[in-house]
Every structure is written in C-alpha cells, then in structure tokens.
Amino acid sequence: DFSRAWFASAGSALTSTMLILAVSIHVLPLMKCLRFRIKRKRALKNAHKFVSQQELNDACVGPDYQIEYRLTSVLVPVTACIMFGTFLPLLYPIALLAVLLAFVVDKALIITFHKRPPSTDASIPMYATDALIISTCIRIALSCWIFSIDSMFVSEDSSGSDLIVNSMSSDANSNFFVRISKATSLPHMLLLL
C-alpha cells in the first residue's frame, strides 16, 4: 500500500529519474550530430579525394530521421506524469520540459543532421496519443486508491466513515469499496480533478 514513506523513497526516485531521462535522451543524437558535422567539414575540405559526386553527397548527408524512436523516448516522462502526476505534481514541469526539449532538439536535428523525412501520415503520433488513454485510466485508479487511504488523507467527516467501516468490517470486499466511498474520497476529488 502507499504510505508517506513511499513518497520519500520511490516518489523522489521516480521524479529524479524522469528529470534525468527528459534531458539525457537528447545527448546521444546531439553527439552524433556533432560528430557528423566534423566529418562533413573534413569531407568538404578534402573534396578532391572523393572519386564521384555521389560519394561526396553520401558523406555530407545524415541518416534518416526515425520518428518512432524519438517519440517513444519523449512519451516515457509524459506517461509517468499522467500516471503519477496527481500525487507527484513535480512531474508536470518535468513532462513539459521533456516535450519542449524534444521539440527544439528534433527541429534542430532535422534541419542540420537528418535527411529530409519522407512525407508520412499522422498514424504514428495518433497511435501514441491514443495509448495515453490507458495511462489516464491507470491514473484515475491510482488516484482513487491513494486518496482513499485514511492515514494519508484524513477526511473531515472521518467519524461517519468510521461508522460505515465498523458496520461493514465483516466483509473484506465491501471494505475496499468503503475506502473509496463518499466519506473518504469525495473531499479530495478536487485534487484528483
């Protein structure tokens, strides 16, 4: 079960990991771009060593842009933000940073490093955004679970919830539904929304 200690250990580790991931996913493509620009400058400086124009062109044109890999690397911090953002709100600016950095870095890489991407339809980004619906459903379930824990979020009407819990304590399944009932979860629904 979630507890206050979870936020100190796993919550802080998740937040710092997503921050590192939001920045580090761009290091390798930027290093490849820098190495390619040095190689291209050398090739243009020694153009007389190439046998044909095609060989020189191949040395001066970067690799293909692979949207599927770049998109998945950005979706990891965004998905973590969607799933855990209700009770770890620092993930929101981290996800925003990841999306903004991905936009700026990918735009710069397409302009200076990659070949011109082929014209494609919007199916890959649409599938990616459709997959975020699953994260949203998990987020709602996790948020209801966490906001129903009495030791973390005490409701103002805790006396009424104690009566309900005591009257239904014999049935384990109904105890779970009592935890997420009106007495404990509705005062915290503003945080969930």
N, C-alpha and C. Protein backbone atom coordinates (compact mmCIF):
# COMPACT_ATOMS: atom_id res chain seq x y z
N ASP A 1 0.85 -1.18 0.00
CA ASP A 1 0.00 0.00 0.00
C ASP A 1 0.89 1.24 0.00
N PHE A 2 0.36 2.34 -0.49
CA PHE A 2 1.10 3.59 -0.47
C PHE A 2 1.13 4.14 0.94
N SER A 3 2.24 4.75 1.28
CA SER A 3 2.39 5.39 2.58
C SER A 3 3.21 6.65 2.40
N ARG A 4 3.38 7.37 3.50
CA ARG A 4 4.20 8.59 3.42
C ARG A 4 5.65 8.27 3.10
N ALA A 5 6.12 7.11 3.52
CA ALA A 5 7.49 6.71 3.23
C ALA A 5 7.68 6.43 1.74
N TRP A 6 6.61 6.02 1.05
CA TRP A 6 6.71 5.77 -0.39
C TRP A 6 7.09 7.04 -1.14
N PHE A 7 6.52 8.18 -0.72
CA PHE A 7 6.83 9.44 -1.38
C PHE A 7 8.28 9.84 -1.16
N ALA A 8 8.82 9.53 0.01
CA ALA A 8 10.21 9.88 0.30
C ALA A 8 11.19 9.00 -0.46
N SER A 9 10.85 7.75 -0.67
CA SER A 9 11.80 6.84 -1.34
C SER A 9 11.47 6.69 -2.82
N ALA A 10 10.39 6.01 -3.13
CA ALA A 10 10.07 5.73 -4.53
C ALA A 10 9.62 6.97 -5.28
N GLY A 11 8.88 7.85 -4.62
CA GLY A 11 8.42 9.07 -5.30
C GLY A 11 9.56 9.98 -5.71
N SER A 12 10.51 10.18 -4.81
CA SER A 12 11.65 11.04 -5.15
C SER A 12 12.54 10.38 -6.20
N ALA A 13 12.68 9.05 -6.13
CA ALA A 13 13.48 8.35 -7.15
C ALA A 13 12.81 8.45 -8.51
N LEU A 14 11.49 8.31 -8.56
CA LEU A 14 10.77 8.42 -9.83
C LEU A 14 10.89 9.82 -10.42
N THR A 15 10.77 10.83 -9.57
CA THR A 15 10.88 12.21 -10.05
C THR A 15 12.27 12.51 -10.59
N SER A 16 13.30 12.12 -9.86
CA SER A 16 14.67 12.39 -10.33
C SER A 16 15.00 11.58 -11.58
N THR A 17 14.49 10.35 -11.67
CA THR A 17 14.74 9.55 -12.87
C THR A 17 14.09 10.18 -14.09
N MET A 18 12.87 10.67 -13.95
CA MET A 18 12.19 11.30 -15.09
C MET A 18 12.88 12.60 -15.50
N LEU A 19 13.43 13.33 -14.52
CA LEU A 19 14.17 14.55 -14.86
C LEU A 19 15.44 14.21 -15.63
N ILE A 20 16.16 13.20 -15.18
CA ILE A 20 17.37 12.78 -15.89
C ILE A 20 17.03 12.28 -17.28
N LEU A 21 15.95 11.51 -17.39
CA LEU A 21 15.53 10.96 -18.68
C LEU A 21 15.10 12.05 -19.64
N ALA A 22 14.41 13.08 -19.14
CA ALA A 22 13.94 14.16 -20.00
C ALA A 22 15.09 14.89 -20.68
N VAL A 23 16.24 14.93 -20.02
CA VAL A 23 17.41 15.62 -20.59
C VAL A 23 18.33 14.66 -21.32
N SER A 24 18.53 13.47 -20.76
CA SER A 24 19.55 12.56 -21.30
C SER A 24 19.16 11.92 -22.64
N ILE A 25 17.88 11.89 -22.98
CA ILE A 25 17.50 11.27 -24.25
C ILE A 25 18.00 12.06 -25.45
N HIS A 26 18.43 13.28 -25.22
CA HIS A 26 18.91 14.11 -26.33
C HIS A 26 20.43 14.12 -26.45
N VAL A 27 21.13 13.53 -25.50
CA VAL A 27 22.59 13.59 -25.52
C VAL A 27 23.17 12.80 -26.70
N LEU A 28 22.72 11.56 -26.89
CA LEU A 28 23.26 10.74 -27.97
C LEU A 28 22.99 11.32 -29.36
N PRO A 29 21.76 11.75 -29.68
CA PRO A 29 21.56 12.37 -31.00
C PRO A 29 22.37 13.64 -31.21
N LEU A 30 22.53 14.43 -30.15
CA LEU A 30 23.34 15.65 -30.30
C LEU A 30 24.82 15.33 -30.49
N MET A 31 25.30 14.28 -29.81
CA MET A 31 26.69 13.86 -30.01
C MET A 31 26.90 13.33 -31.43
N LYS A 32 25.93 12.56 -31.93
CA LYS A 32 26.03 12.06 -33.31
C LYS A 32 26.01 13.22 -34.30
N CYS A 33 25.19 14.22 -34.03
CA CYS A 33 25.13 15.39 -34.91
C CYS A 33 26.46 16.14 -34.91
N LEU A 34 27.06 16.30 -33.75
CA LEU A 34 28.35 16.99 -33.66
C LEU A 34 29.43 16.22 -34.40
N ARG A 35 29.46 14.90 -34.22
CA ARG A 35 30.45 14.07 -34.92
C ARG A 35 30.23 14.13 -36.43
N PHE A 36 28.95 14.12 -36.86
CA PHE A 36 28.65 14.19 -38.28
C PHE A 36 29.08 15.53 -38.88
N ARG A 37 28.87 16.62 -38.15
CA ARG A 37 29.26 17.93 -38.68
C ARG A 37 30.78 18.05 -38.84
N ILE A 38 31.53 17.45 -37.90
CA ILE A 38 33.00 17.44 -38.04
C ILE A 38 33.41 16.61 -39.25
N LYS A 39 32.75 15.45 -39.41
CA LYS A 39 33.06 14.58 -40.55
C LYS A 39 32.71 15.27 -41.87
N ARG A 40 31.58 15.97 -41.89
CA ARG A 40 31.18 16.67 -43.12
C ARG A 40 32.13 17.81 -43.44
N LYS A 41 32.59 18.52 -42.42
CA LYS A 41 33.52 19.63 -42.66
C LYS A 41 34.83 19.10 -43.24
N ARG A 42 35.30 17.94 -42.71
CA ARG A 42 36.51 17.32 -43.26
C ARG A 42 36.30 16.87 -44.70
N ALA A 43 35.12 16.30 -44.97
CA ALA A 43 34.83 15.82 -46.34
C ALA A 43 34.79 16.98 -47.32
N LEU A 44 34.19 18.09 -46.93
CA LEU A 44 34.14 19.24 -47.84
C LEU A 44 35.51 19.89 -48.01
N LYS A 45 36.34 19.81 -46.98
CA LYS A 45 37.68 20.38 -47.07
C LYS A 45 38.56 19.55 -48.01
N ASN A 46 38.32 18.23 -48.01
CA ASN A 46 39.10 17.33 -48.86
C ASN A 46 38.21 16.72 -49.95
N ALA A 47 37.47 17.55 -50.62
CA ALA A 47 36.53 17.07 -51.64
C ALA A 47 37.25 16.43 -52.83
N HIS A 48 38.48 16.81 -53.07
CA HIS A 48 39.22 16.27 -54.21
C HIS A 48 39.58 14.79 -54.03
N LYS A 49 39.47 14.26 -52.79
CA LYS A 49 39.80 12.86 -52.55
C LYS A 49 38.67 11.90 -52.91
N PHE A 50 37.49 12.43 -53.12
CA PHE A 50 36.35 11.58 -53.46
C PHE A 50 36.35 11.30 -54.95
N VAL A 51 35.99 10.08 -55.32
CA VAL A 51 36.01 9.67 -56.73
C VAL A 51 34.84 10.26 -57.49
N SER A 52 33.65 10.27 -56.86
CA SER A 52 32.46 10.77 -57.56
C SER A 52 31.70 11.75 -56.68
N GLN A 53 30.80 12.45 -57.33
CA GLN A 53 29.95 13.39 -56.59
C GLN A 53 29.02 12.65 -55.64
N GLN A 54 28.62 11.44 -56.02
CA GLN A 54 27.73 10.65 -55.16
C GLN A 54 28.40 10.28 -53.85
N GLU A 55 29.69 9.95 -53.88
CA GLU A 55 30.41 9.64 -52.64
C GLU A 55 30.49 10.87 -51.74
N LEU A 56 30.73 12.02 -52.33
CA LEU A 56 30.77 13.25 -51.55
C LEU A 56 29.40 13.57 -50.97
N ASN A 57 28.36 13.35 -51.77
CA ASN A 57 26.99 13.59 -51.26
C ASN A 57 26.67 12.67 -50.10
N ASP A 58 27.08 11.40 -50.20
CA ASP A 58 26.81 10.44 -49.12
C ASP A 58 27.55 10.82 -47.84
N ALA A 59 28.72 11.42 -47.98
CA ALA A 59 29.47 11.84 -46.80
C ALA A 59 28.89 13.10 -46.17
N CYS A 60 28.09 13.85 -46.94
CA CYS A 60 27.55 15.12 -46.44
C CYS A 60 26.08 15.04 -46.06
N VAL A 61 25.45 13.87 -46.20
CA VAL A 61 24.03 13.73 -45.87
C VAL A 61 23.92 12.82 -44.66
N GLY A 62 23.13 13.25 -43.69
CA GLY A 62 22.98 12.50 -42.45
C GLY A 62 22.05 11.30 -42.59
N PRO A 63 21.82 10.59 -41.49
CA PRO A 63 20.95 9.41 -41.52
C PRO A 63 19.48 9.80 -41.56
N ASP A 64 18.64 8.79 -41.71
CA ASP A 64 17.19 9.01 -41.73
C ASP A 64 16.70 9.41 -40.35
N TYR A 65 15.64 10.20 -40.33
CA TYR A 65 15.00 10.57 -39.08
C TYR A 65 14.00 9.48 -38.71
N GLN A 66 14.13 8.93 -37.52
CA GLN A 66 13.24 7.84 -37.09
C GLN A 66 12.31 8.37 -36.00
N ILE A 67 11.11 8.71 -36.44
CA ILE A 67 10.15 9.33 -35.53
C ILE A 67 9.71 8.39 -34.42
N GLU A 68 9.66 7.10 -34.72
CA GLU A 68 9.14 6.16 -33.71
C GLU A 68 10.04 6.09 -32.49
N TYR A 69 11.36 6.16 -32.68
CA TYR A 69 12.28 6.11 -31.53
C TYR A 69 12.26 7.42 -30.74
N ARG A 70 12.23 8.52 -31.45
CA ARG A 70 12.22 9.81 -30.77
C ARG A 70 10.90 10.02 -30.02
N LEU A 71 9.82 9.54 -30.60
CA LEU A 71 8.52 9.71 -29.96
C LEU A 71 8.40 8.88 -28.69
N THR A 72 8.90 7.65 -28.73
CA THR A 72 8.82 6.82 -27.53
C THR A 72 9.71 7.35 -26.40
N SER A 73 10.84 7.94 -26.75
CA SER A 73 11.70 8.47 -25.70
C SER A 73 11.08 9.67 -25.00
N VAL A 74 10.20 10.40 -25.69
CA VAL A 74 9.52 11.54 -25.06
C VAL A 74 8.28 11.07 -24.31
N LEU A 75 7.66 9.99 -24.78
CA LEU A 75 6.43 9.54 -24.15
C LEU A 75 6.65 8.91 -22.77
N VAL A 76 7.85 8.47 -22.46
CA VAL A 76 8.09 7.86 -21.14
C VAL A 76 7.90 8.89 -20.02
N PRO A 77 8.53 10.08 -20.05
CA PRO A 77 8.26 11.05 -18.99
C PRO A 77 6.82 11.56 -18.99
N VAL A 78 6.24 11.67 -20.18
CA VAL A 78 4.85 12.15 -20.26
C VAL A 78 3.90 11.12 -19.65
N THR A 79 4.13 9.85 -19.94
CA THR A 79 3.28 8.80 -19.37
C THR A 79 3.45 8.73 -17.85
N ALA A 80 4.67 8.87 -17.37
CA ALA A 80 4.88 8.89 -15.92
C ALA A 80 4.18 10.08 -15.27
N CYS A 81 4.17 11.21 -15.96
CA CYS A 81 3.47 12.39 -15.45
C CYS A 81 1.97 12.14 -15.40
N ILE A 82 1.43 11.53 -16.43
CA ILE A 82 -0.01 11.27 -16.44
C ILE A 82 -0.38 10.30 -15.33
N MET A 83 0.40 9.25 -15.15
CA MET A 83 0.04 8.23 -14.18
C MET A 83 0.24 8.67 -12.73
N PHE A 84 1.33 9.38 -12.44
CA PHE A 84 1.66 9.71 -11.06
C PHE A 84 1.59 11.20 -10.76
N GLY A 85 1.15 12.02 -11.69
CA GLY A 85 1.16 13.46 -11.51
C GLY A 85 0.20 13.98 -10.46
N THR A 86 -0.85 13.23 -10.16
CA THR A 86 -1.82 13.70 -9.17
C THR A 86 -1.18 13.85 -7.81
N PHE A 87 -0.33 12.92 -7.43
CA PHE A 87 0.27 12.99 -6.11
C PHE A 87 1.76 13.26 -6.15
N LEU A 88 2.36 13.40 -7.35
CA LEU A 88 3.73 13.89 -7.51
C LEU A 88 3.69 15.04 -8.52
N PRO A 89 3.22 16.21 -8.11
CA PRO A 89 2.98 17.29 -9.08
C PRO A 89 4.25 17.85 -9.71
N LEU A 90 5.42 17.53 -9.19
CA LEU A 90 6.67 17.99 -9.81
C LEU A 90 6.88 17.33 -11.17
N LEU A 91 6.16 16.25 -11.44
CA LEU A 91 6.28 15.59 -12.74
C LEU A 91 5.69 16.43 -13.87
N TYR A 92 4.76 17.33 -13.57
CA TYR A 92 4.18 18.18 -14.62
C TYR A 92 5.22 19.07 -15.29
N PRO A 93 6.02 19.86 -14.54
CA PRO A 93 7.05 20.65 -15.22
C PRO A 93 8.12 19.80 -15.89
N ILE A 94 8.38 18.61 -15.33
CA ILE A 94 9.36 17.73 -15.96
C ILE A 94 8.85 17.24 -17.31
N ALA A 95 7.57 16.88 -17.38
CA ALA A 95 6.99 16.45 -18.66
C ALA A 95 6.96 17.61 -19.66
N LEU A 96 6.67 18.81 -19.19
CA LEU A 96 6.69 19.98 -20.07
C LEU A 96 8.10 20.22 -20.59
N LEU A 97 9.09 20.10 -19.72
CA LEU A 97 10.48 20.24 -20.15
C LEU A 97 10.85 19.19 -21.18
N ALA A 98 10.40 17.95 -20.97
CA ALA A 98 10.71 16.87 -21.93
C ALA A 98 10.10 17.15 -23.29
N VAL A 99 8.87 17.63 -23.32
CA VAL A 99 8.21 17.90 -24.60
C VAL A 99 8.86 19.10 -25.30
N LEU A 100 9.15 20.16 -24.55
CA LEU A 100 9.78 21.34 -25.17
C LEU A 100 11.18 21.03 -25.68
N LEU A 101 11.96 20.31 -24.89
CA LEU A 101 13.30 19.92 -25.34
C LEU A 101 13.24 19.03 -26.58
N ALA A 102 12.29 18.10 -26.59
CA ALA A 102 12.15 17.22 -27.76
C ALA A 102 11.79 18.03 -29.00
N PHE A 103 10.92 19.01 -28.84
CA PHE A 103 10.55 19.83 -29.99
C PHE A 103 11.75 20.61 -30.53
N VAL A 104 12.48 21.26 -29.64
CA VAL A 104 13.61 22.10 -30.06
C VAL A 104 14.74 21.24 -30.64
N VAL A 105 15.08 20.17 -29.94
CA VAL A 105 16.19 19.32 -30.39
C VAL A 105 15.85 18.60 -31.69
N ASP A 106 14.64 18.07 -31.80
CA ASP A 106 14.26 17.38 -33.03
C ASP A 106 14.20 18.33 -34.22
N LYS A 107 13.71 19.54 -33.99
CA LYS A 107 13.68 20.52 -35.07
C LYS A 107 15.09 20.87 -35.53
N ALA A 108 16.00 21.06 -34.57
CA ALA A 108 17.38 21.37 -34.92
C ALA A 108 18.05 20.20 -35.62
N LEU A 109 17.77 18.97 -35.18
CA LEU A 109 18.38 17.80 -35.81
C LEU A 109 17.84 17.58 -37.22
N ILE A 110 16.57 17.83 -37.42
CA ILE A 110 16.01 17.67 -38.78
C ILE A 110 16.62 18.70 -39.72
N ILE A 111 16.85 19.90 -39.22
CA ILE A 111 17.39 20.95 -40.09
C ILE A 111 18.87 20.72 -40.39
N THR A 112 19.65 20.30 -39.39
CA THR A 112 21.10 20.26 -39.58
C THR A 112 21.71 18.88 -39.74
N PHE A 113 20.99 17.81 -39.39
CA PHE A 113 21.63 16.50 -39.30
C PHE A 113 20.95 15.45 -40.18
N HIS A 114 19.69 15.26 -40.01
CA HIS A 114 19.00 14.17 -40.70
C HIS A 114 18.67 14.51 -42.15
N LYS A 115 18.44 13.42 -42.91
CA LYS A 115 17.91 13.62 -44.25
C LYS A 115 16.50 14.19 -44.14
N ARG A 116 16.02 14.70 -45.24
CA ARG A 116 14.65 15.19 -45.24
C ARG A 116 13.72 14.02 -44.99
N PRO A 117 12.87 14.11 -43.97
CA PRO A 117 12.00 12.96 -43.68
C PRO A 117 10.98 12.76 -44.79
N PRO A 118 10.64 11.52 -45.07
CA PRO A 118 9.63 11.28 -46.09
C PRO A 118 8.26 11.76 -45.60
N SER A 119 7.43 12.12 -46.51
CA SER A 119 6.09 12.56 -46.11
C SER A 119 5.28 11.35 -45.67
N THR A 120 4.79 11.41 -44.46
CA THR A 120 4.01 10.32 -43.89
C THR A 120 2.70 10.88 -43.36
N ASP A 121 1.79 9.97 -43.07
CA ASP A 121 0.54 10.41 -42.44
C ASP A 121 0.74 10.53 -40.93
N ALA A 122 -0.30 10.88 -40.26
CA ALA A 122 -0.21 11.12 -38.81
C ALA A 122 -0.56 9.88 -38.00
N SER A 123 -0.38 8.70 -38.57
CA SER A 123 -0.80 7.49 -37.87
C SER A 123 0.05 7.19 -36.64
N ILE A 124 1.37 7.37 -36.73
CA ILE A 124 2.24 7.07 -35.58
C ILE A 124 1.96 8.01 -34.41
N PRO A 125 1.89 9.33 -34.61
CA PRO A 125 1.53 10.19 -33.46
C PRO A 125 0.12 9.94 -32.94
N MET A 126 -0.80 9.59 -33.82
CA MET A 126 -2.17 9.31 -33.36
C MET A 126 -2.21 8.05 -32.50
N TYR A 127 -1.48 7.01 -32.90
CA TYR A 127 -1.40 5.80 -32.07
C TYR A 127 -0.76 6.11 -30.72
N ALA A 128 0.24 6.98 -30.73
CA ALA A 128 0.92 7.32 -29.48
C ALA A 128 -0.01 8.07 -28.54
N THR A 129 -0.77 9.02 -29.06
CA THR A 129 -1.70 9.75 -28.20
C THR A 129 -2.88 8.88 -27.78
N ASP A 130 -3.27 7.93 -28.61
CA ASP A 130 -4.33 7.00 -28.20
C ASP A 130 -3.85 6.10 -27.07
N ALA A 131 -2.57 5.77 -27.06
CA ALA A 131 -2.04 4.93 -25.99
C ALA A 131 -2.03 5.65 -24.65
N LEU A 132 -2.06 6.98 -24.67
CA LEU A 132 -2.08 7.74 -23.42
C LEU A 132 -3.41 7.59 -22.68
N ILE A 133 -4.45 7.13 -23.38
CA ILE A 133 -5.74 6.91 -22.72
C ILE A 133 -5.60 5.82 -21.66
N ILE A 134 -4.80 4.80 -21.94
CA ILE A 134 -4.57 3.74 -20.96
C ILE A 134 -3.92 4.32 -19.72
N SER A 135 -2.95 5.22 -19.91
CA SER A 135 -2.29 5.87 -18.77
C SER A 135 -3.28 6.69 -17.96
N THR A 136 -4.22 7.32 -18.64
CA THR A 136 -5.21 8.12 -17.93
C THR A 136 -6.12 7.24 -17.07
N CYS A 137 -6.51 6.09 -17.58
CA CYS A 137 -7.34 5.17 -16.79
C CYS A 137 -6.57 4.66 -15.57
N ILE A 138 -5.29 4.35 -15.75
CA ILE A 138 -4.46 3.91 -14.62
C ILE A 138 -4.31 5.05 -13.62
N ARG A 139 -4.19 6.27 -14.12
CA ARG A 139 -4.06 7.44 -13.24
C ARG A 139 -5.30 7.59 -12.36
N ILE A 140 -6.47 7.45 -12.94
CA ILE A 140 -7.70 7.60 -12.16
C ILE A 140 -7.78 6.53 -11.09
N ALA A 141 -7.43 5.28 -11.44
CA ALA A 141 -7.47 4.19 -10.46
C ALA A 141 -6.46 4.43 -9.33
N LEU A 142 -5.22 4.82 -9.68
CA LEU A 142 -4.20 5.08 -8.65
C LEU A 142 -4.60 6.25 -7.76
N SER A 143 -5.15 7.29 -8.36
CA SER A 143 -5.53 8.46 -7.57
C SER A 143 -6.66 8.14 -6.61
N CYS A 144 -7.65 7.39 -7.08
CA CYS A 144 -8.73 6.98 -6.17
C CYS A 144 -8.19 6.12 -5.04
N TRP A 145 -7.25 5.26 -5.36
CA TRP A 145 -6.67 4.40 -4.33
C TRP A 145 -5.91 5.22 -3.30
N ILE A 146 -5.06 6.13 -3.76
CA ILE A 146 -4.24 6.90 -2.83
C ILE A 146 -5.09 7.87 -2.02
N PHE A 147 -6.06 8.53 -2.64
CA PHE A 147 -6.88 9.49 -1.91
C PHE A 147 -7.83 8.80 -0.93
N SER A 148 -7.99 7.50 -1.06
CA SER A 148 -8.87 6.80 -0.12
C SER A 148 -8.12 6.25 1.08
N ILE A 149 -6.82 6.42 1.16
CA ILE A 149 -6.04 5.93 2.30
C ILE A 149 -6.21 6.92 3.45
N ASP A 150 -6.82 6.45 4.52
CA ASP A 150 -7.15 7.34 5.65
C ASP A 150 -5.91 7.86 6.37
N SER A 151 -4.84 7.10 6.39
CA SER A 151 -3.66 7.55 7.12
C SER A 151 -2.93 8.68 6.40
N MET A 152 -3.18 8.86 5.11
CA MET A 152 -2.52 9.93 4.37
C MET A 152 -3.44 11.13 4.17
N PHE A 153 -4.67 10.89 3.77
CA PHE A 153 -5.62 11.95 3.51
C PHE A 153 -6.82 11.74 4.43
N VAL A 154 -6.82 12.42 5.56
CA VAL A 154 -7.90 12.25 6.52
C VAL A 154 -9.05 13.13 6.10
N SER A 155 -10.21 12.54 6.01
CA SER A 155 -11.40 13.28 5.64
C SER A 155 -11.91 14.08 6.82
N GLU A 156 -12.61 15.18 6.53
CA GLU A 156 -13.19 15.97 7.60
C GLU A 156 -14.30 15.19 8.31
N ASP A 157 -14.97 14.34 7.56
CA ASP A 157 -16.07 13.56 8.11
C ASP A 157 -15.61 12.15 8.43
N SER A 158 -14.51 12.06 9.19
CA SER A 158 -13.96 10.75 9.48
C SER A 158 -14.83 9.96 10.45
N SER A 159 -15.62 10.64 11.27
CA SER A 159 -16.48 9.91 12.20
C SER A 159 -17.55 9.13 11.45
N GLY A 160 -18.08 9.70 10.37
CA GLY A 160 -19.07 8.98 9.57
C GLY A 160 -18.46 7.80 8.85
N SER A 161 -17.23 7.96 8.41
CA SER A 161 -16.58 6.83 7.72
C SER A 161 -16.25 5.73 8.70
N ASP A 162 -15.92 6.07 9.97
CA ASP A 162 -15.67 5.04 10.97
C ASP A 162 -16.92 4.22 11.23
N LEU A 163 -18.07 4.87 11.26
CA LEU A 163 -19.31 4.14 11.46
C LEU A 163 -19.57 3.18 10.31
N ILE A 164 -19.30 3.64 9.09
CA ILE A 164 -19.53 2.78 7.94
C ILE A 164 -18.55 1.61 7.95
N VAL A 165 -17.29 1.88 8.27
CA VAL A 165 -16.30 0.82 8.30
C VAL A 165 -16.63 -0.20 9.39
N ASN A 166 -17.04 0.28 10.57
CA ASN A 166 -17.36 -0.64 11.65
C ASN A 166 -18.58 -1.48 11.33
N SER A 167 -19.56 -0.90 10.64
CA SER A 167 -20.76 -1.66 10.33
C SER A 167 -20.52 -2.68 9.24
N MET A 168 -19.51 -2.48 8.40
CA MET A 168 -19.29 -3.39 7.28
C MET A 168 -17.94 -4.08 7.37
N SER A 169 -17.33 -4.12 8.54
CA SER A 169 -15.97 -4.66 8.66
C SER A 169 -15.91 -6.16 8.46
N SER A 170 -17.03 -6.83 8.50
CA SER A 170 -17.01 -8.29 8.33
C SER A 170 -16.74 -8.70 6.90
N ASP A 171 -17.10 -7.88 5.95
CA ASP A 171 -16.95 -8.24 4.54
C ASP A 171 -15.72 -7.51 3.97
N ALA A 172 -14.73 -8.27 3.50
CA ALA A 172 -13.48 -7.67 3.01
C ALA A 172 -13.69 -6.91 1.71
N ASN A 173 -14.54 -7.44 0.84
CA ASN A 173 -14.78 -6.75 -0.43
C ASN A 173 -15.49 -5.43 -0.24
N SER A 174 -16.44 -5.37 0.66
CA SER A 174 -17.13 -4.11 0.88
C SER A 174 -16.23 -3.11 1.58
N ASN A 175 -15.22 -3.58 2.34
CA ASN A 175 -14.28 -2.68 2.99
C ASN A 175 -13.49 -1.88 1.95
N PHE A 176 -13.12 -2.53 0.84
CA PHE A 176 -12.41 -1.81 -0.22
C PHE A 176 -13.29 -0.72 -0.81
N PHE A 177 -14.55 -1.05 -1.03
CA PHE A 177 -15.46 -0.06 -1.62
C PHE A 177 -15.77 1.05 -0.63
N VAL A 178 -15.74 0.74 0.66
CA VAL A 178 -15.95 1.77 1.67
C VAL A 178 -14.78 2.75 1.66
N ARG A 179 -13.56 2.23 1.43
CA ARG A 179 -12.38 3.11 1.40
C ARG A 179 -12.47 4.16 0.33
N ILE A 180 -13.06 3.81 -0.79
CA ILE A 180 -13.15 4.80 -1.88
C ILE A 180 -14.56 5.37 -1.98
N SER A 181 -15.28 5.32 -0.88
CA SER A 181 -16.65 5.82 -0.88
C SER A 181 -16.67 7.33 -0.69
N LYS A 182 -17.87 7.84 -0.58
CA LYS A 182 -18.08 9.28 -0.45
C LYS A 182 -17.43 9.85 0.81
N ALA A 183 -17.39 9.09 1.87
CA ALA A 183 -16.87 9.62 3.13
C ALA A 183 -15.39 9.93 3.08
N THR A 184 -14.61 9.19 2.28
CA THR A 184 -13.16 9.41 2.27
C THR A 184 -12.65 10.02 0.98
N SER A 185 -13.24 9.71 -0.16
CA SER A 185 -12.63 10.16 -1.40
C SER A 185 -13.20 11.46 -1.93
N LEU A 186 -14.46 11.75 -1.69
CA LEU A 186 -15.04 12.97 -2.26
C LEU A 186 -14.42 14.26 -1.75
N PRO A 187 -14.00 14.37 -0.48
CA PRO A 187 -13.33 15.63 -0.09
C PRO A 187 -12.03 15.88 -0.87
N HIS A 188 -11.44 14.85 -1.44
CA HIS A 188 -10.18 15.01 -2.15
C HIS A 188 -10.37 14.97 -3.66
N MET A 189 -11.60 14.99 -4.14
CA MET A 189 -11.81 14.90 -5.58
C MET A 189 -11.31 16.13 -6.31
N LEU A 190 -11.24 17.27 -5.62
CA LEU A 190 -10.70 18.47 -6.26
C LEU A 190 -9.24 18.24 -6.64
N LEU A 191 -8.47 17.57 -5.78
CA LEU A 191 -7.09 17.25 -6.12
C LEU A 191 -7.02 16.31 -7.30
N LEU A 192 -7.94 15.33 -7.35
CA LEU A 192 -7.95 14.40 -8.46
C LEU A 192 -8.27 15.08 -9.77
N LEU A 193 -9.24 15.99 -9.75
CA LEU A 193 -9.61 16.68 -10.98
C LEU A 193 -8.50 17.61 -11.43
